[in-house]
Amino acid sequence: MLALASALASTAGGDASAASACPSQGTLSGIVDRVNERLDIVLKDGRILHLAGLDPPQPTPDAPDFPARARDALAAEFSGGKITYLSLSPTPDRWNRSPAFVFLAGRPRAASASAASFLLAHGFARFMPVPEAHACRTRFLAAESEARTAKLGLWRDPYYAILAATNRAAFAERAATNVIVEGRLADVTSNRYRMTLDFAPRRERALTVTILQRNVAIFDRSGLGFRALIGRTLRIRGLLDLRFGPQIEIASADDVELITDKQEQRGTAKQSKSGAVPPPMQHP
């Protein structure tokens, strides 16, 4: 229980504190039966472990077999069968999966021993900010960044390019899917119901990011006073909603990255190519 409490510790100190809380080994063990294309790990005793903090790949026009390739790569890492893991919830989700940090048994106590870090570092998945994965956010983002810089795995595919906040054509192709969007914050407005982050003048109909008023204090406590960030570049992760224009609703500071001047100079926001995309998946 102490290990679990440490793994889930959330402090106002920011990324450095989160990184120090990220575990490097599990407290439970199991034998892997198989890995599915959602990168869930099915154990011999029937338990299903969901890797917290991962957005598994989807088939795309350029790589329809990529989910199977990611699954096979992870399964190969489990060739010995035995894993350790840290369960992050007392009860399974509605698909009978338990969110967990999973570790490759027999590996050194290091980030490379984490199944999620392995997948992120090789471009077999993207980071998904969820509360259970907060403790490892810094480590997971670093692994993802290295893969993106090296154009490994899904980062070679135009479908997974980071979208510019003003690229309306790219948004039209990605309705109801998880996206990563980057842009310079132009304005912040607020009413009794929500705060809205605008990335271009309203007449240009660029991306807007919304935060329910009841959640605004969460961002303030994390040091994300958005009005003070006007003119800075932000990277946002979330589900794209096109019903009222391109929009993402966020509820956690983990959904936002503040891009440094050095990163901006490298031009990390990429325009994605047009083309057909797969329909949103209906299962987890």
Foldseek 3Di string as FASTA:
>chain_A
DVLLCLQLDDDLPPDVSLQVSHFLAADAKFFFPFADLQRWTATPVGAIEDEAFWDADDQWPVRNCLSVVLRVVLVVLCVVGMKHWYFNDPAADPVRYTYIFIFRPPDPSDLCRTSLLVCLLQQRTATDDDSSNRSCLVVSVVSNVNCLVVCGRCNVPLLQAAAEQLQQLNLVQAAFHKHKYKAAFADWDDDQFWIKTDRDPVVSLGEIEIEGPVQPVQCVSSVCPPRVRHRFMKIFIAHFHCPPTTYGYDRHPSRIDTDDPVRVVVPRHDHGDDDHTDDDDPDD
